[in-house]
Amino acid sequence: LTFPLVDFTSSSSNSVQEVKVMDMETKNYSSSMSDFILLGISSNPHLQKPLFAVFLIMYLVTLVGNVLIILAIHSDARLHTPMYFFLSNLSFMDICFTTVIVPKMLVTLLSETKAISYVGCLVQMYFFMAFGNTDSYLLASMAIDRLVAICNPLHYDVAMMTPMLNPFIYSLRNKDMKRGLRKLRDRIHS
């Protein structure tokens, strides 16, 4: 299929407009659906750099804040409880969640080409939704943890460490599992 492209140019000899019809195939124009154009927040070029600075500062504050939460939880042994375990995982997921979208937005604010490929858009949307869902599950886990801590405070340690809630830790306590892991370790080191 060829589509005519109408070009209105002014002639230099006289001021009469002449109309040229060009064939899109001969001028190598292509209309493929492999890219999406990102319109962004503002198309005003004077606002692009201030918007970039604002979003970069917000992104860096998010990263630094979440890294500090993770480091504080891992450095203090008193914070090694289920609630803070979920909180450190939530901070990590928040880092991943913002890193999916914000860097591309920052690049788009400063670049001349404001496009994203179809595959890139799908990958970005997949990870955005995956990290968003993981955030929701972590928040639900934190809510259940607090529910058990408030409703059954004397049974909290037992309830949060049952084999049904934490099968990996329970399997490490199992003698057969320990023996199997030792054999695997010895095979790897020999």
C-alpha atoms as a PDB file:
ATOM      1  CA  LEU A   1       0.000   0.000   0.000  1.00  0.00           C
ATOM      2  CA  THR A   2       1.211   3.459  -0.817  1.00  0.00           C
ATOM      3  CA  PHE A   3      -0.259   6.592   0.652  1.00  0.00           C
ATOM      4  CA  PRO A   4       0.270   9.956  -0.966  1.00  0.00           C
ATOM      5  CA  LEU A   5       1.862  12.627   1.165  1.00  0.00           C
ATOM      6  CA  VAL A   6       0.979  16.194   0.321  1.00  0.00           C
ATOM      7  CA  ASP A   7       3.794  18.722   0.725  1.00  0.00           C
ATOM      8  CA  PHE A   8       2.991  22.431   0.622  1.00  0.00           C
ATOM      9  CA  THR A   9       6.082  24.404  -0.309  1.00  0.00           C
ATOM     10  CA  SER A  10       6.409  27.964  -1.484  1.00  0.00           C
ATOM     11  CA  SER A  11       8.139  28.646  -4.728  1.00  0.00           C
ATOM     12  CA  SER A  12      11.096  31.016  -4.558  1.00  0.00           C
ATOM     13  CA  SER A  13      10.273  32.723  -7.876  1.00  0.00           C
ATOM     14  CA  ASN A  14       6.729  33.659  -6.974  1.00  0.00           C
ATOM     15  CA  SER A  15       4.625  33.508  -3.826  1.00  0.00           C
ATOM     16  CA  VAL A  16       2.209  30.985  -5.230  1.00  0.00           C
ATOM     17  CA  GLN A  17       1.934  27.758  -3.236  1.00  0.00           C
ATOM     18  CA  GLU A  18       2.610  24.659  -5.255  1.00  0.00           C
ATOM     19  CA  VAL A  19       1.416  21.255  -4.200  1.00  0.00           C
ATOM     20  CA  LYS A  20       3.616  18.208  -4.577  1.00  0.00           C
ATOM     21  CA  VAL A  21       2.318  14.720  -4.080  1.00  0.00           C
ATOM     22  CA  MET A  22       5.037  12.334  -2.977  1.00  0.00           C
ATOM     23  CA  ASP A  23       4.885   8.610  -2.729  1.00  0.00           C
ATOM     24  CA  MET A  24       5.689   7.346   0.785  1.00  0.00           C
ATOM     25  CA  GLU A  25       7.531   4.305  -0.549  1.00  0.00           C
ATOM     26  CA  THR A  26       9.925   6.316  -2.695  1.00  0.00           C
ATOM     27  CA  LYS A  27      10.797   8.684   0.173  1.00  0.00           C
ATOM     28  CA  ASN A  28      11.328   5.797   2.619  1.00  0.00           C
ATOM     29  CA  TYR A  29       8.559   6.855   4.934  1.00  0.00           C
ATOM     30  CA  SER A  30       7.373   3.987   7.052  1.00  0.00           C
ATOM     31  CA  SER A  31       4.396   3.700   9.311  1.00  0.00           C
ATOM     32  CA  SER A  32       5.280   0.763  11.528  1.00  0.00           C
ATOM     33  CA  MET A  33       3.713   0.048  14.893  1.00  0.00           C
ATOM     34  CA  SER A  34       6.998  -0.841  16.580  1.00  0.00           C
ATOM     35  CA  ASP A  35       7.295   2.324  18.694  1.00  0.00           C
ATOM     36  CA  PHE A  36       5.076   4.351  20.974  1.00  0.00           C
ATOM     37  CA  ILE A  37       5.551   8.088  21.274  1.00  0.00           C
ATOM     38  CA  LEU A  38       5.706   9.267  24.873  1.00  0.00           C
ATOM     39  CA  LEU A  39       4.063  12.669  25.183  1.00  0.00           C
ATOM     40  CA  GLY A  40       5.250  13.316  28.716  1.00  0.00           C
ATOM     41  CA  ILE A  41       4.058  15.857  31.224  1.00  0.00           C
ATOM     42  CA  SER A  42       4.821  18.998  29.264  1.00  0.00           C
ATOM     43  CA  SER A  43       5.926  19.620  25.704  1.00  0.00           C
ATOM     44  CA  ASN A  44       7.253  23.076  26.635  1.00  0.00           C
ATOM     45  CA  PRO A  45      11.056  22.883  26.202  1.00  0.00           C
ATOM     46  CA  HIS A  46      11.618  25.434  28.969  1.00  0.00           C
ATOM     47  CA  LEU A  47       9.917  23.139  31.503  1.00  0.00           C
ATOM     48  CA  GLN A  48      11.799  19.963  30.548  1.00  0.00           C
ATOM     49  CA  LYS A  49      14.942  20.644  32.589  1.00  0.00           C
ATOM     50  CA  PRO A  50      13.158  21.836  35.765  1.00  0.00           C
ATOM     51  CA  LEU A  51      10.856  18.795  35.580  1.00  0.00           C
ATOM     52  CA  PHE A  52      13.907  16.580  35.116  1.00  0.00           C
ATOM     53  CA  ALA A  53      15.534  18.103  38.211  1.00  0.00           C
ATOM     54  CA  VAL A  54      12.382  17.709  40.347  1.00  0.00           C
ATOM     55  CA  PHE A  55      11.817  14.081  39.358  1.00  0.00           C
ATOM     56  CA  LEU A  56      15.511  13.228  39.702  1.00  0.00           C
ATOM     57  CA  ILE A  57      15.568  14.628  43.249  1.00  0.00           C
ATOM     58  CA  MET A  58      12.390  12.706  44.164  1.00  0.00           C
ATOM     59  CA  TYR A  59      13.850   9.500  42.680  1.00  0.00           C
ATOM     60  CA  LEU A  60      17.155   9.901  44.548  1.00  0.00           C
ATOM     61  CA  VAL A  61      15.355  10.631  47.833  1.00  0.00           C
ATOM     62  CA  THR A  62      13.280   7.471  47.319  1.00  0.00           C
ATOM     63  CA  LEU A  63      16.368   5.377  46.625  1.00  0.00           C
ATOM     64  CA  VAL A  64      18.408   6.756  49.523  1.00  0.00           C
ATOM     65  CA  GLY A  65      15.504   6.492  51.974  1.00  0.00           C
ATOM     66  CA  ASN A  66      14.755   2.885  51.101  1.00  0.00           C
ATOM     67  CA  VAL A  67      18.428   1.879  51.176  1.00  0.00           C
ATOM     68  CA  LEU A  68      18.764   3.482  54.615  1.00  0.00           C
ATOM     69  CA  ILE A  69      15.736   1.522  55.857  1.00  0.00           C
ATOM     70  CA  ILE A  70      17.241  -1.732  54.570  1.00  0.00           C
ATOM     71  CA  LEU A  71      20.651  -0.982  56.096  1.00  0.00           C
ATOM     72  CA  ALA A  72      19.155   0.019  59.453  1.00  0.00           C
ATOM     73  CA  ILE A  73      17.111  -3.189  59.659  1.00  0.00           C
ATOM     74  CA  HIS A  74      20.007  -5.444  58.692  1.00  0.00           C
ATOM     75  CA  SER A  75      22.520  -3.735  60.997  1.00  0.00           C
ATOM     76  CA  ASP A  76      20.479  -3.925  64.233  1.00  0.00           C
ATOM     77  CA  ALA A  77      19.827  -7.425  65.607  1.00  0.00           C
ATOM     78  CA  ARG A  78      16.804  -6.205  67.589  1.00  0.00           C
ATOM     79  CA  LEU A  79      15.054  -5.467  64.296  1.00  0.00           C
ATOM     80  CA  HIS A  80      15.278  -9.040  63.025  1.00  0.00           C
ATOM     81  CA  THR A  81      11.584  -9.723  63.565  1.00  0.00           C
ATOM     82  CA  PRO A  82       8.953 -10.671  60.967  1.00  0.00           C
ATOM     83  CA  MET A  83       7.565  -7.130  60.824  1.00  0.00           C
ATOM     84  CA  TYR A  84      10.941  -5.597  59.957  1.00  0.00           C
ATOM     85  CA  PHE A  85      11.714  -8.462  57.587  1.00  0.00           C
ATOM     86  CA  PHE A  86       8.583  -7.517  55.635  1.00  0.00           C
ATOM     87  CA  LEU A  87       9.482  -3.829  55.889  1.00  0.00           C
ATOM     88  CA  SER A  88      12.962  -4.358  54.424  1.00  0.00           C
ATOM     89  CA  ASN A  89      11.471  -6.430  51.597  1.00  0.00           C
ATOM     90  CA  LEU A  90       8.888  -3.717  51.013  1.00  0.00           C
ATOM     91  CA  SER A  91      11.695  -1.142  50.790  1.00  0.00           C
ATOM     92  CA  PHE A  92      13.523  -3.301  48.253  1.00  0.00           C
ATOM     93  CA  MET A  93      10.334  -3.738  46.202  1.00  0.00           C
ATOM     94  CA  ASP A  94       9.784   0.024  46.332  1.00  0.00           C
ATOM     95  CA  ILE A  95      13.263   0.555  44.891  1.00  0.00           C
ATOM     96  CA  CYS A  96      12.509  -1.905  42.088  1.00  0.00           C
ATOM     97  CA  PHE A  97       9.029  -0.440  41.522  1.00  0.00           C
ATOM     98  CA  THR A  98      10.300   3.113  41.046  1.00  0.00           C
ATOM     99  CA  THR A  99      13.330   1.999  39.024  1.00  0.00           C
ATOM    100  CA  VAL A 100      11.043   0.440  36.423  1.00  0.00           C
ATOM    101  CA  ILE A 101       9.424   3.736  35.418  1.00  0.00           C
ATOM    102  CA  VAL A 102      11.428   6.765  36.554  1.00  0.00           C
ATOM    103  CA  PRO A 103      14.741   6.283  34.632  1.00  0.00           C
ATOM    104  CA  LYS A 104      12.909   6.023  31.295  1.00  0.00           C
ATOM    105  CA  MET A 105      10.863   9.093  32.215  1.00  0.00           C
ATOM    106  CA  LEU A 106      14.047  11.031  33.052  1.00  0.00           C
ATOM    107  CA  VAL A 107      15.658  10.024  29.761  1.00  0.00           C
ATOM    108  CA  THR A 108      12.514  10.998  27.870  1.00  0.00           C
ATOM    109  CA  LEU A 109      12.431  14.432  29.512  1.00  0.00           C
ATOM    110  CA  LEU A 110      15.898  15.294  28.177  1.00  0.00           C
ATOM    111  CA  SER A 111      16.067  13.452  24.864  1.00  0.00           C
ATOM    112  CA  GLU A 112      14.903  14.569  21.466  1.00  0.00           C
ATOM    113  CA  THR A 113      13.377  11.199  20.620  1.00  0.00           C
ATOM    114  CA  LYS A 114      10.458  10.571  22.915  1.00  0.00           C
ATOM    115  CA  ALA A 115       9.640   7.023  21.907  1.00  0.00           C
ATOM    116  CA  ILE A 116       9.644   3.575  23.476  1.00  0.00           C
ATOM    117  CA  SER A 117       9.616   0.343  21.540  1.00  0.00           C
ATOM    118  CA  TYR A 118       6.628  -1.970  21.713  1.00  0.00           C
ATOM    119  CA  VAL A 119       8.683  -4.687  23.406  1.00  0.00           C
ATOM    120  CA  GLY A 120      10.218  -2.169  25.809  1.00  0.00           C
ATOM    121  CA  CYS A 121       6.741  -0.937  26.720  1.00  0.00           C
ATOM    122  CA  LEU A 122       5.534  -4.496  27.369  1.00  0.00           C
ATOM    123  CA  VAL A 123       8.573  -5.325  29.511  1.00  0.00           C
ATOM    124  CA  GLN A 124       8.206  -2.108  31.480  1.00  0.00           C
ATOM    125  CA  MET A 125       4.482  -2.722  32.024  1.00  0.00           C
ATOM    126  CA  TYR A 126       5.114  -6.337  33.083  1.00  0.00           C
ATOM    127  CA  PHE A 127       7.650  -5.387  35.749  1.00  0.00           C
ATOM    128  CA  PHE A 128       5.552  -2.410  36.870  1.00  0.00           C
ATOM    129  CA  MET A 129       2.586  -4.704  37.488  1.00  0.00           C
ATOM    130  CA  ALA A 130       4.698  -7.499  38.988  1.00  0.00           C
ATOM    131  CA  PHE A 131       6.377  -5.198  41.510  1.00  0.00           C
ATOM    132  CA  GLY A 132       3.044  -3.509  42.254  1.00  0.00           C
ATOM    133  CA  ASN A 133       1.444  -6.891  42.999  1.00  0.00           C
ATOM    134  CA  THR A 134       4.411  -7.922  45.142  1.00  0.00           C
ATOM    135  CA  ASP A 135       4.069  -4.678  47.105  1.00  0.00           C
ATOM    136  CA  SER A 136       0.411  -5.497  47.715  1.00  0.00           C
ATOM    137  CA  TYR A 137       1.210  -9.015  48.941  1.00  0.00           C
ATOM    138  CA  LEU A 138       3.921  -7.697  51.250  1.00  0.00           C
ATOM    139  CA  LEU A 139       1.522  -5.137  52.696  1.00  0.00           C
ATOM    140  CA  ALA A 140      -1.057  -7.902  53.237  1.00  0.00           C
ATOM    141  CA  SER A 141       1.595 -10.020  54.976  1.00  0.00           C
ATOM    142  CA  MET A 142       2.495  -7.100  57.217  1.00  0.00           C
ATOM    143  CA  ALA A 143      -1.201  -6.634  58.051  1.00  0.00           C
ATOM    144  CA  ILE A 144      -1.538 -10.317  58.997  1.00  0.00           C
ATOM    145  CA  ASP A 145       1.628 -10.063  61.085  1.00  0.00           C
ATOM    146  CA  ARG A 146       0.216  -7.069  62.984  1.00  0.00           C
ATOM    147  CA  LEU A 147      -3.159  -8.787  63.373  1.00  0.00           C
ATOM    148  CA  VAL A 148      -1.514 -11.791  65.029  1.00  0.00           C
ATOM    149  CA  ALA A 149       0.666  -9.533  67.192  1.00  0.00           C
ATOM    150  CA  ILE A 150      -2.324  -7.497  68.426  1.00  0.00           C
ATOM    151  CA  CYS A 151      -4.936 -10.245  68.783  1.00  0.00           C
ATOM    152  CA  ASN A 152      -2.649 -12.956  70.188  1.00  0.00           C
ATOM    153  CA  PRO A 153       0.357 -11.186  71.714  1.00  0.00           C
ATOM    154  CA  LEU A 154       1.367 -14.122  73.935  1.00  0.00           C
ATOM    155  CA  HIS A 155       1.283 -16.581  71.029  1.00  0.00           C
ATOM    156  CA  TYR A 156       2.931 -14.279  68.478  1.00  0.00           C
ATOM    157  CA  ASP A 157       6.342 -15.992  68.413  1.00  0.00           C
ATOM    158  CA  VAL A 158       4.811 -19.445  68.110  1.00  0.00           C
ATOM    159  CA  ALA A 159       2.238 -18.397  65.513  1.00  0.00           C
ATOM    160  CA  MET A 160       4.738 -16.661  63.252  1.00  0.00           C
ATOM    161  CA  MET A 161       7.263 -19.505  63.363  1.00  0.00           C
ATOM    162  CA  THR A 162       5.024 -22.485  62.663  1.00  0.00           C
ATOM    163  CA  PRO A 163       6.082 -24.890  59.935  1.00  0.00           C
ATOM    164  CA  MET A 164       3.004 -23.984  57.920  1.00  0.00           C
ATOM    165  CA  LEU A 165       3.949 -20.293  57.767  1.00  0.00           C
ATOM    166  CA  ASN A 166       7.671 -20.818  57.315  1.00  0.00           C
ATOM    167  CA  PRO A 167       8.374 -24.189  55.647  1.00  0.00           C
ATOM    168  CA  PHE A 168      11.931 -23.327  54.594  1.00  0.00           C
ATOM    169  CA  ILE A 169      13.097 -22.700  58.163  1.00  0.00           C
ATOM    170  CA  TYR A 170      11.299 -25.835  59.332  1.00  0.00           C
ATOM    171  CA  SER A 171      12.965 -27.903  56.615  1.00  0.00           C
ATOM    172  CA  LEU A 172      16.391 -26.661  57.752  1.00  0.00           C
ATOM    173  CA  ARG A 173      15.627 -27.967  61.262  1.00  0.00           C
ATOM    174  CA  ASN A 174      14.890 -31.420  59.869  1.00  0.00           C
ATOM    175  CA  LYS A 175      17.775 -33.909  60.424  1.00  0.00           C
ATOM    176  CA  ASP A 176      17.335 -35.573  57.017  1.00  0.00           C
ATOM    177  CA  MET A 177      17.411 -32.203  55.310  1.00  0.00           C
ATOM    178  CA  LYS A 178      20.599 -31.240  57.174  1.00  0.00           C
ATOM    179  CA  ARG A 179      22.226 -34.527  56.204  1.00  0.00           C
ATOM    180  CA  GLY A 180      21.284 -33.981  52.546  1.00  0.00           C
ATOM    181  CA  LEU A 181      22.621 -30.432  52.561  1.00  0.00           C
ATOM    182  CA  ARG A 182      25.905 -31.627  54.112  1.00  0.00           C
ATOM    183  CA  LYS A 183      26.278 -34.276  51.375  1.00  0.00           C
ATOM    184  CA  LEU A 184      25.586 -31.647  48.710  1.00  0.00           C
ATOM    185  CA  ARG A 185      28.145 -29.304  50.291  1.00  0.00           C
ATOM    186  CA  ASP A 186      30.762 -32.086  50.420  1.00  0.00           C
ATOM    187  CA  ARG A 187      30.179 -32.943  46.737  1.00  0.00           C
ATOM    188  CA  ILE A 188      30.577 -29.315  45.739  1.00  0.00           C
ATOM    189  CA  HIS A 189      33.794 -28.848  47.724  1.00  0.00           C
ATOM    190  CA  SER A 190      35.395 -32.125  46.564  1.00  0.00           C
END
